[in-house]
Amino acid sequence: MFRIPLLRLAQPSRHFAPCTSSLVRKAFQHDMASERPTGLIAHKGIELLTFGTPNGHKASIILEELKEAYGKGYTFQSINIMQNIQKEPWFTKVCPNGRIPAIIDHDRNDFAVFEGLAILTYLTRHYDPEHRFSFTDPDDISLAEQWMAWQHGGLGPMQGQANHFYRLAKERIAYPIQRYIGETERLFGILDARLADRDYLVGSGRGKYSIADIASFGWANIAYFSGVEVKSFANVQRWLDRINQRPAVQKGLAVPAPPTITNESFLKKLKEDPESARKEQELNELKENAKQQYNYKYASP
């Protein structure tokens, strides 16, 4: 997601309400002034190539957790996806798919790993000996894999499409807006049901904070940007609050730069900037009209 050329992100449709252009610009321009990466820079440890998106935050959060738990340091480079750095030959040698995040383990023969799910499992397999963020029980391992696959194949792609059609596309088309926001809400409902009597997604009792939670956290943490009222999902909101209290999570969210589209940052911006709040209200009305036009009714699962 987020592959539209920069100039189009803030370009309003002539047929629909203007997008919250200042929010969008700040979301994706925060690193424009940084020196442009041209290749790998580290020779030891983990090198992270990332940007401030939900998928990028998966990698930076687990790396910060491992750093806090075991002292495992890492190096990172900001890959500004609006400049298409991720499409350059040096990057695609690391990640053939041309997407962030990716890591290079310089301590293991410069082994490269791409895709957030694979990064989470790789790092805990090799650098979480006490299984603080992973599991040893075969059933818990399987459950963690299932919830991570659910995010990788469902929540991420559907919410990514919601971001595109609701927030970023030049032309606001009613059908895909209600289709993808509606599907994202359905998936939030599944997450909410899972967390009804649990603190975390996987583990005995009320569960244990793990890579299963990290996988979905970044996406749920930008719900408002995606047009989803997360306060309607009380269990998800409590889960988000719980995870956001972790110091390593806050550090991970600030890699490679402080976040601008997380729920907290987004709502703060709307509170402080009346013009952004006005445009957001217009966009919200467009969303509700799209739902009414196609007779959308929330249902989950």
Protein backbone atom coordinates (compact mmCIF):
# COMPACT_ATOMS: atom_id res chain seq x y z
CA MET A 1 0.00 0.00 0.00
CA PHE A 2 0.92 3.68 -0.01
CA ARG A 3 2.45 3.54 -3.49
CA ILE A 4 0.67 6.55 -5.00
CA PRO A 5 3.07 9.29 -6.13
CA LEU A 6 3.41 11.97 -3.49
CA LEU A 7 1.74 14.75 -5.45
CA ARG A 8 -1.46 12.72 -5.77
CA LEU A 9 -1.80 12.09 -2.04
CA ALA A 10 -2.88 15.64 -1.29
CA GLN A 11 -4.75 16.19 -4.55
CA PRO A 12 -8.52 16.34 -3.83
CA SER A 13 -11.13 14.88 -6.12
CA ARG A 14 -13.29 17.29 -8.07
CA HIS A 15 -16.29 15.08 -7.33
CA PHE A 16 -15.97 14.33 -3.63
CA ALA A 17 -15.03 16.02 -0.36
CA PRO A 18 -11.36 17.05 -0.09
CA CYS A 19 -9.10 14.71 1.80
CA THR A 20 -7.37 15.77 5.01
CA SER A 21 -4.37 16.81 2.97
CA SER A 22 -2.25 18.21 5.79
CA LEU A 23 -2.61 14.93 7.70
CA VAL A 24 -1.65 12.93 4.63
CA ARG A 25 1.33 15.12 3.80
CA LYS A 26 2.66 14.90 7.35
CA ALA A 27 2.08 11.17 7.40
CA PHE A 28 4.36 10.58 4.43
CA GLN A 29 6.67 13.58 4.23
CA HIS A 30 8.18 13.42 7.69
CA ASP A 31 11.39 11.92 6.35
CA MET A 32 11.75 13.76 3.05
CA ALA A 33 14.70 15.78 4.31
CA SER A 34 16.73 12.75 5.42
CA GLU A 35 19.78 11.66 3.49
CA ARG A 36 18.72 9.21 0.81
CA PRO A 37 19.92 5.64 1.50
CA THR A 38 21.95 4.06 -1.29
CA GLY A 39 22.91 0.72 0.23
CA LEU A 40 23.50 -1.20 3.43
CA ILE A 41 25.50 0.58 6.13
CA ALA A 42 26.04 -1.98 8.91
CA HIS A 43 28.54 -4.83 9.14
CA LYS A 44 27.29 -6.60 12.24
CA GLY A 45 24.00 -7.16 14.03
CA ILE A 46 20.56 -6.61 12.55
CA GLU A 47 20.04 -3.89 9.96
CA LEU A 48 16.44 -2.79 9.51
CA LEU A 49 15.14 -1.10 6.35
CA THR A 50 11.80 0.45 7.22
CA PHE A 51 9.32 3.31 7.17
CA GLY A 52 6.59 4.53 9.53
CA THR A 53 3.74 2.24 8.44
CA PRO A 54 1.91 -0.54 10.31
CA ASN A 55 4.06 -3.16 8.59
CA GLY A 56 7.21 -1.22 9.36
CA HIS A 57 6.21 -0.98 13.00
CA LYS A 58 6.01 -4.77 13.30
CA ALA A 59 9.76 -5.01 12.78
CA SER A 60 10.81 -1.98 14.82
CA ILE A 61 8.64 -2.97 17.79
CA ILE A 62 9.97 -6.53 18.04
CA LEU A 63 13.52 -5.23 17.65
CA GLU A 64 12.98 -2.74 20.46
CA GLU A 65 11.45 -5.48 22.62
CA LEU A 66 14.46 -7.73 22.01
CA LYS A 67 16.78 -4.84 22.73
CA GLU A 68 15.08 -4.17 26.07
CA ALA A 69 14.85 -7.85 27.02
CA TYR A 70 18.27 -9.08 25.90
CA GLY A 71 20.34 -6.04 24.92
CA LYS A 72 20.12 -6.99 21.23
CA GLY A 73 20.96 -3.81 19.35
CA TYR A 74 20.18 -2.99 15.75
CA THR A 75 20.75 -0.41 13.05
CA PHE A 76 17.99 1.09 10.94
CA GLN A 77 17.67 3.08 7.75
CA SER A 78 14.58 5.04 6.78
CA ILE A 79 13.30 3.93 3.38
CA ASN A 80 11.00 6.71 2.25
CA ILE A 81 8.45 4.82 0.20
CA MET A 82 7.19 8.05 -1.38
CA GLN A 83 10.58 8.34 -3.09
CA ASN A 84 10.41 4.71 -4.31
CA ILE A 85 13.71 3.87 -2.65
CA GLN A 86 12.28 0.39 -2.06
CA LYS A 87 12.28 -0.17 -5.83
CA GLU A 88 15.99 0.49 -6.31
CA PRO A 89 18.26 -2.45 -7.22
CA TRP A 90 20.22 -2.40 -3.96
CA PHE A 91 16.98 -2.72 -2.00
CA THR A 92 15.38 -5.40 -4.16
CA LYS A 93 18.46 -7.56 -3.63
CA VAL A 94 17.33 -7.66 0.00
CA CYS A 95 13.59 -7.74 -0.69
CA PRO A 96 12.65 -8.94 -4.19
CA ASN A 97 9.10 -7.67 -3.61
CA GLY A 98 10.23 -4.07 -3.26
CA ARG A 99 8.38 -3.44 0.02
CA ILE A 100 9.31 -2.50 3.56
CA PRO A 101 10.19 -3.77 6.08
CA ALA A 102 13.23 -5.95 5.49
CA ILE A 103 16.11 -6.95 7.71
CA ILE A 104 19.64 -8.17 7.12
CA ASP A 105 21.26 -10.30 9.82
CA HIS A 106 24.93 -9.46 9.44
CA ASP A 107 25.81 -11.96 12.18
CA ARG A 108 24.37 -14.83 10.14
CA ASN A 109 26.13 -14.44 6.81
CA ASP A 110 24.13 -11.31 5.89
CA PHE A 111 20.95 -13.35 5.76
CA ALA A 112 18.03 -11.23 4.54
CA VAL A 113 14.39 -11.54 5.61
CA PHE A 114 11.43 -9.69 4.11
CA GLU A 115 7.70 -9.57 5.02
CA GLY A 116 6.62 -8.61 8.52
CA LEU A 117 5.33 -12.04 9.50
CA ALA A 118 8.59 -13.69 8.46
CA ILE A 119 10.63 -11.05 10.30
CA LEU A 120 8.69 -11.57 13.53
CA THR A 121 9.16 -15.34 13.46
CA TYR A 122 12.81 -15.14 12.36
CA LEU A 123 13.85 -12.74 15.09
CA THR A 124 12.13 -14.66 17.87
CA ARG A 125 13.40 -17.99 16.55
CA HIS A 126 17.00 -16.81 16.73
CA TYR A 127 17.05 -14.07 19.38
CA ASP A 128 14.31 -14.85 21.92
CA PRO A 129 15.87 -17.74 23.85
CA GLU A 130 13.61 -17.26 26.88
CA HIS A 131 10.50 -17.11 24.65
CA ARG A 132 9.34 -13.83 26.14
CA PHE A 133 7.57 -12.95 22.89
CA SER A 134 7.06 -16.43 21.44
CA PHE A 135 5.94 -19.88 22.56
CA THR A 136 7.19 -23.40 23.17
CA ASP A 137 3.89 -25.24 23.44
CA PRO A 138 3.00 -26.67 20.00
CA ASP A 139 -0.63 -25.57 20.25
CA ASP A 140 0.33 -22.02 21.21
CA ILE A 141 2.85 -21.93 18.37
CA SER A 142 0.09 -22.96 15.99
CA LEU A 143 -2.36 -20.41 17.40
CA ALA A 144 0.22 -17.66 17.06
CA GLU A 145 0.81 -18.69 13.45
CA GLN A 146 -2.94 -18.68 12.81
CA TRP A 147 -3.49 -15.17 14.18
CA MET A 148 -0.45 -13.84 12.35
CA ALA A 149 -1.69 -15.43 9.11
CA TRP A 150 -5.12 -13.89 9.79
CA GLN A 151 -3.50 -10.47 9.97
CA HIS A 152 -1.21 -11.07 7.00
CA GLY A 153 -3.98 -12.29 4.72
CA GLY A 154 -6.95 -10.36 6.09
CA LEU A 155 -6.60 -7.37 8.38
CA GLY A 156 -3.54 -5.86 6.67
CA PRO A 157 -4.70 -6.15 3.04
CA MET A 158 -8.31 -5.12 3.73
CA GLN A 159 -7.38 -2.18 5.96
CA GLY A 160 -4.74 -1.18 3.43
CA GLN A 161 -7.43 -0.96 0.77
CA ALA A 162 -9.61 1.04 3.16
CA ASN A 163 -6.71 3.47 3.60
CA HIS A 164 -6.35 3.80 -0.15
CA PHE A 165 -9.95 4.32 -1.21
CA TYR A 166 -11.05 6.32 1.85
CA ARG A 167 -7.98 8.36 2.62
CA LEU A 168 -5.55 8.52 -0.28
CA ALA A 169 -7.25 8.05 -3.65
CA LYS A 170 -7.89 11.14 -5.75
CA GLU A 171 -11.39 10.03 -6.71
CA ARG A 172 -13.60 8.94 -3.83
CA ILE A 173 -15.80 6.09 -5.08
CA ALA A 174 -18.61 5.06 -2.75
CA TYR A 175 -18.59 1.31 -3.38
CA PRO A 176 -14.95 0.49 -2.48
CA ILE A 177 -15.07 2.92 0.45
CA GLN A 178 -17.94 1.09 2.14
CA ARG A 179 -16.67 -2.29 0.94
CA TYR A 180 -13.20 -2.08 2.48
CA ILE A 181 -14.09 -0.08 5.58
CA GLY A 182 -16.92 -2.54 6.16
CA GLU A 183 -14.62 -5.54 5.79
CA THR A 184 -12.09 -3.91 8.12
CA GLU A 185 -14.84 -3.38 10.69
CA ARG A 186 -15.80 -7.04 10.34
CA LEU A 187 -12.21 -8.05 11.05
CA PHE A 188 -12.04 -5.70 14.04
CA GLY A 189 -15.14 -7.49 15.30
CA ILE A 190 -13.31 -10.81 15.12
CA LEU A 191 -10.38 -9.34 17.01
CA ASP A 192 -12.75 -7.85 19.57
CA ALA A 193 -14.45 -11.21 20.14
CA ARG A 194 -11.12 -12.95 20.61
CA LEU A 195 -10.15 -10.39 23.26
CA ALA A 196 -13.46 -10.54 25.13
CA ASP A 197 -12.00 -12.53 28.02
CA ARG A 198 -8.31 -12.20 27.21
CA ASP A 199 -5.56 -9.62 27.55
CA TYR A 200 -3.61 -10.95 24.55
CA LEU A 201 -4.36 -13.09 21.54
CA VAL A 202 -2.43 -16.27 22.36
CA GLY A 203 -1.33 -18.10 25.50
CA SER A 204 -2.94 -19.86 28.43
CA GLY A 205 -5.31 -18.04 30.75
CA ARG A 206 -5.69 -14.45 29.63
CA GLY A 207 -2.82 -14.85 27.20
CA LYS A 208 0.73 -13.56 26.87
CA TYR A 209 2.01 -10.58 24.91
CA SER A 210 3.71 -11.99 21.85
CA ILE A 211 4.49 -11.58 18.18
CA ALA A 212 0.87 -12.53 17.49
CA ASP A 213 -0.18 -9.25 19.11
CA ILE A 214 2.59 -7.23 17.49
CA ALA A 215 1.46 -8.41 14.04
CA SER A 216 -2.02 -6.89 14.37
CA PHE A 217 -1.23 -4.02 16.73
CA GLY A 218 0.22 -1.66 14.12
CA TRP A 219 -2.92 -1.87 11.99
CA ALA A 220 -5.38 -1.48 14.85
CA ASN A 221 -3.27 1.43 16.03
CA ILE A 222 -4.16 3.45 12.89
CA ALA A 223 -7.88 2.61 12.91
CA TYR A 224 -9.10 6.21 12.72
CA PHE A 225 -6.89 6.94 9.72
CA SER A 226 -8.61 4.00 8.03
CA GLY A 227 -12.10 5.23 8.80
CA VAL A 228 -12.77 2.77 11.63
CA GLU A 229 -14.12 3.98 14.99
CA VAL A 230 -12.02 1.80 17.26
CA LYS A 231 -13.91 3.02 20.33
CA SER A 232 -16.80 0.88 19.04
CA PHE A 233 -14.63 -2.18 19.75
CA ALA A 234 -14.07 -1.89 23.50
CA ASN A 235 -11.93 -5.02 23.86
CA VAL A 236 -9.65 -3.94 21.01
CA GLN A 237 -9.32 -0.48 22.57
CA ARG A 238 -8.29 -1.96 25.92
CA TRP A 239 -5.80 -4.22 24.16
CA LEU A 240 -4.36 -1.24 22.28
CA ASP A 241 -4.07 0.77 25.49
CA ARG A 242 -2.31 -2.14 27.19
CA ILE A 243 0.24 -2.57 24.42
CA ASN A 244 0.80 1.16 23.98
CA GLN A 245 1.91 1.33 27.61
CA ARG A 246 4.98 -0.76 26.86
CA PRO A 247 8.12 1.43 26.62
CA ALA A 248 9.62 -0.70 23.83
CA VAL A 249 6.44 -0.30 21.79
CA GLN A 250 6.64 3.48 22.05
CA LYS A 251 10.28 3.37 20.99
CA GLY A 252 9.42 1.09 18.09
CA LEU A 253 6.65 3.39 16.92
CA ALA A 254 9.17 6.23 16.72
CA VAL A 255 11.35 4.34 14.22
CA PRO A 256 12.31 5.82 11.83
CA ALA A 257 10.46 8.97 12.98
CA PRO A 258 7.70 9.91 15.44
CA PRO A 259 4.32 8.62 14.20
CA THR A 260 1.68 10.91 12.71
CA ILE A 261 -1.17 8.55 11.78
CA THR A 262 -1.45 6.41 14.91
CA ASN A 263 -4.76 6.80 16.73
CA GLU A 264 -3.32 9.02 19.44
CA SER A 265 -1.41 11.28 17.04
CA PHE A 266 -4.31 11.44 14.60
CA LEU A 267 -6.92 12.43 17.19
CA LYS A 268 -4.55 14.97 18.73
CA LYS A 269 -4.10 16.60 15.33
CA LEU A 270 -7.86 16.85 14.81
CA LYS A 271 -8.28 18.39 18.25
CA GLU A 272 -5.58 20.99 17.67
CA ASP A 273 -6.27 21.86 14.03
CA PRO A 274 -9.84 23.04 13.27
CA GLU A 275 -9.30 22.93 9.52
CA SER A 276 -8.17 19.30 9.63
CA ALA A 277 -11.14 18.52 11.88
CA ARG A 278 -13.52 20.15 9.39
CA LYS A 279 -12.14 18.18 6.46
CA GLU A 280 -12.24 15.01 8.51
CA GLN A 281 -15.91 15.59 9.23
CA GLU A 282 -16.58 15.96 5.51
CA LEU A 283 -14.76 12.72 4.84
CA ASN A 284 -16.68 10.95 7.58
CA GLU A 285 -19.96 12.13 6.06
CA LEU A 286 -18.86 10.74 2.70
CA LYS A 287 -18.18 7.39 4.37
CA GLU A 288 -21.59 7.29 6.03
CA ASN A 289 -23.32 8.24 2.78
CA ALA A 290 -21.45 5.46 0.97
CA LYS A 291 -22.65 2.95 3.55
CA GLN A 292 -26.23 4.12 3.21
CA GLN A 293 -26.06 4.04 -0.59
CA TYR A 294 -25.14 0.35 -0.57
CA ASN A 295 -27.22 -0.56 2.49
CA TYR A 296 -24.18 -1.55 4.52
CA LYS A 297 -24.95 -3.41 7.73
CA TYR A 298 -22.19 -4.31 10.15
CA ALA A 299 -21.84 -8.03 10.82
CA SER A 300 -19.03 -10.13 12.27
CA PRO A 301 -17.86 -12.77 11.66
